Amino acid sequence: MTKTKVFKQYSEGFKRQVVAEYEEGTSASALCRRYGIGSVSSVTAWVKKYGIEGLGMV
């Protein structure tokens, strides 16, 4: 018997909300616990893509 991984898909709006909270000072690990996100690396990737720095708005 093999285990299958279940990949969650999150909406862009949800990702942007998480990024906004991260930029306000909430840690990535705390956001993962709060929203049931499986990996801190997901949050950091969203920050790179949707965050102020990632959008070139610094």
N, C-alpha and C. Protein backbone atom coordinates (compact mmCIF):
# COMPACT_ATOMS: atom_id res chain seq x y z
N MET A 1 0.84 -1.17 0.00
CA MET A 1 0.00 0.00 0.00
C MET A 1 0.89 1.24 0.00
N THR A 2 0.66 2.14 -0.93
CA THR A 2 1.44 3.37 -1.01
C THR A 2 0.60 4.54 -0.52
N LYS A 3 1.29 5.48 0.07
CA LYS A 3 0.62 6.70 0.52
C LYS A 3 0.62 7.70 -0.63
N THR A 4 -0.48 8.36 -0.82
CA THR A 4 -0.54 9.40 -1.83
C THR A 4 -0.57 10.75 -1.14
N LYS A 5 0.13 11.69 -1.73
CA LYS A 5 0.14 13.04 -1.20
C LYS A 5 -1.04 13.80 -1.79
N VAL A 6 -1.68 14.57 -0.94
CA VAL A 6 -2.78 15.41 -1.39
C VAL A 6 -2.26 16.83 -1.46
N PHE A 7 -2.33 17.41 -2.63
CA PHE A 7 -1.87 18.77 -2.82
C PHE A 7 -3.08 19.70 -2.79
N LYS A 8 -2.99 20.70 -1.93
CA LYS A 8 -4.06 21.68 -1.85
C LYS A 8 -3.77 22.81 -2.82
N GLN A 9 -4.81 23.34 -3.38
CA GLN A 9 -4.68 24.52 -4.22
C GLN A 9 -5.34 25.67 -3.50
N TYR A 10 -4.66 26.79 -3.46
CA TYR A 10 -5.16 27.97 -2.76
C TYR A 10 -5.43 29.06 -3.77
N SER A 11 -6.47 29.84 -3.52
CA SER A 11 -6.80 30.93 -4.42
C SER A 11 -5.76 32.04 -4.30
N GLU A 12 -5.67 32.86 -5.32
CA GLU A 12 -4.74 33.99 -5.29
C GLU A 12 -5.10 34.94 -4.15
N GLY A 13 -6.38 35.14 -3.92
CA GLY A 13 -6.81 36.02 -2.84
C GLY A 13 -6.35 35.53 -1.48
N PHE A 14 -6.45 34.22 -1.27
CA PHE A 14 -6.00 33.64 -0.01
C PHE A 14 -4.49 33.83 0.14
N LYS A 15 -3.75 33.58 -0.92
CA LYS A 15 -2.30 33.75 -0.88
C LYS A 15 -1.93 35.19 -0.54
N ARG A 16 -2.62 36.13 -1.16
CA ARG A 16 -2.33 37.54 -0.90
C ARG A 16 -2.66 37.92 0.55
N GLN A 17 -3.70 37.34 1.10
CA GLN A 17 -4.05 37.59 2.50
C GLN A 17 -2.94 37.08 3.42
N VAL A 18 -2.47 35.87 3.14
CA VAL A 18 -1.39 35.29 3.94
C VAL A 18 -0.13 36.15 3.82
N VAL A 19 0.18 36.60 2.62
CA VAL A 19 1.37 37.45 2.41
C VAL A 19 1.23 38.76 3.19
N ALA A 20 0.04 39.34 3.17
CA ALA A 20 -0.17 40.60 3.90
C ALA A 20 0.07 40.39 5.39
N GLU A 21 -0.42 39.29 5.94
CA GLU A 21 -0.21 39.01 7.36
C GLU A 21 1.28 38.77 7.65
N TYR A 22 1.95 38.10 6.74
CA TYR A 22 3.39 37.87 6.89
C TYR A 22 4.14 39.20 6.91
N GLU A 23 3.77 40.10 6.01
CA GLU A 23 4.44 41.39 5.93
C GLU A 23 4.12 42.28 7.14
N GLU A 24 3.02 41.98 7.83
CA GLU A 24 2.68 42.72 9.05
C GLU A 24 3.43 42.17 10.27
N GLY A 25 4.15 41.05 10.06
CA GLY A 25 4.99 40.55 11.14
C GLY A 25 4.68 39.15 11.65
N THR A 26 3.63 38.52 11.14
CA THR A 26 3.32 37.15 11.56
C THR A 26 4.31 36.20 10.90
N SER A 27 4.84 35.26 11.66
CA SER A 27 5.82 34.33 11.10
C SER A 27 5.17 33.35 10.13
N ALA A 28 5.97 32.85 9.21
CA ALA A 28 5.47 31.88 8.24
C ALA A 28 4.97 30.62 8.92
N SER A 29 5.67 30.18 9.95
CA SER A 29 5.24 28.96 10.65
C SER A 29 3.92 29.18 11.38
N ALA A 30 3.72 30.37 11.94
CA ALA A 30 2.45 30.68 12.60
C ALA A 30 1.31 30.70 11.60
N LEU A 31 1.56 31.24 10.42
CA LEU A 31 0.53 31.26 9.37
C LEU A 31 0.19 29.85 8.90
N CYS A 32 1.20 29.00 8.81
CA CYS A 32 0.95 27.60 8.43
C CYS A 32 0.05 26.92 9.44
N ARG A 33 0.32 27.14 10.72
CA ARG A 33 -0.52 26.54 11.77
C ARG A 33 -1.93 27.11 11.73
N ARG A 34 -2.04 28.43 11.58
CA ARG A 34 -3.35 29.10 11.61
C ARG A 34 -4.25 28.63 10.47
N TYR A 35 -3.67 28.51 9.27
CA TYR A 35 -4.49 28.22 8.09
C TYR A 35 -4.36 26.79 7.56
N GLY A 36 -3.57 25.97 8.24
CA GLY A 36 -3.42 24.59 7.80
C GLY A 36 -2.62 24.44 6.51
N ILE A 37 -1.70 25.36 6.29
CA ILE A 37 -0.84 25.30 5.10
C ILE A 37 0.25 24.27 5.39
N GLY A 38 0.51 23.39 4.46
CA GLY A 38 1.37 22.25 4.71
C GLY A 38 2.86 22.54 4.83
N SER A 39 3.31 23.68 4.31
CA SER A 39 4.76 23.91 4.26
C SER A 39 5.08 25.39 4.36
N VAL A 40 6.09 25.70 5.15
CA VAL A 40 6.57 27.08 5.26
C VAL A 40 7.08 27.55 3.90
N SER A 41 7.63 26.64 3.12
CA SER A 41 8.15 27.02 1.81
C SER A 41 7.05 27.53 0.88
N SER A 42 5.83 27.07 1.08
CA SER A 42 4.70 27.61 0.30
C SER A 42 4.52 29.08 0.60
N VAL A 43 4.53 29.42 1.89
CA VAL A 43 4.35 30.82 2.29
C VAL A 43 5.48 31.68 1.74
N THR A 44 6.71 31.22 1.86
CA THR A 44 7.83 32.03 1.39
C THR A 44 7.79 32.20 -0.14
N ALA A 45 7.32 31.19 -0.85
CA ALA A 45 7.18 31.32 -2.30
C ALA A 45 6.11 32.36 -2.65
N TRP A 46 5.02 32.37 -1.89
CA TRP A 46 3.96 33.36 -2.12
C TRP A 46 4.47 34.76 -1.83
N VAL A 47 5.29 34.89 -0.79
CA VAL A 47 5.84 36.20 -0.45
C VAL A 47 6.72 36.70 -1.60
N LYS A 48 7.51 35.82 -2.17
CA LYS A 48 8.35 36.21 -3.31
C LYS A 48 7.51 36.63 -4.51
N LYS A 49 6.39 35.95 -4.71
CA LYS A 49 5.56 36.23 -5.88
C LYS A 49 4.63 37.42 -5.67
N TYR A 50 3.99 37.49 -4.49
CA TYR A 50 2.94 38.48 -4.27
C TYR A 50 3.32 39.60 -3.30
N GLY A 51 4.43 39.45 -2.62
CA GLY A 51 4.81 40.44 -1.62
C GLY A 51 5.26 41.75 -2.24
N ILE A 52 5.39 42.75 -1.40
CA ILE A 52 5.81 44.07 -1.86
C ILE A 52 7.14 43.99 -2.59
N GLU A 53 8.11 43.26 -2.03
CA GLU A 53 9.40 43.12 -2.67
C GLU A 53 9.28 42.37 -4.00
N GLY A 54 8.46 41.33 -4.01
CA GLY A 54 8.29 40.53 -5.22
C GLY A 54 7.63 41.30 -6.35
N LEU A 55 6.88 42.33 -6.00
CA LEU A 55 6.21 43.13 -7.02
C LEU A 55 7.03 44.33 -7.45
N GLY A 56 8.24 44.45 -6.87
CA GLY A 56 9.10 45.56 -7.23
C GLY A 56 8.61 46.89 -6.70
N MET A 57 7.90 46.86 -5.58
CA MET A 57 7.32 48.08 -5.03
C MET A 57 8.08 48.62 -3.84
N VAL A 58 9.31 48.18 -3.67
CA VAL A 58 10.09 48.63 -2.52
C VAL A 58 10.70 49.98 -2.82
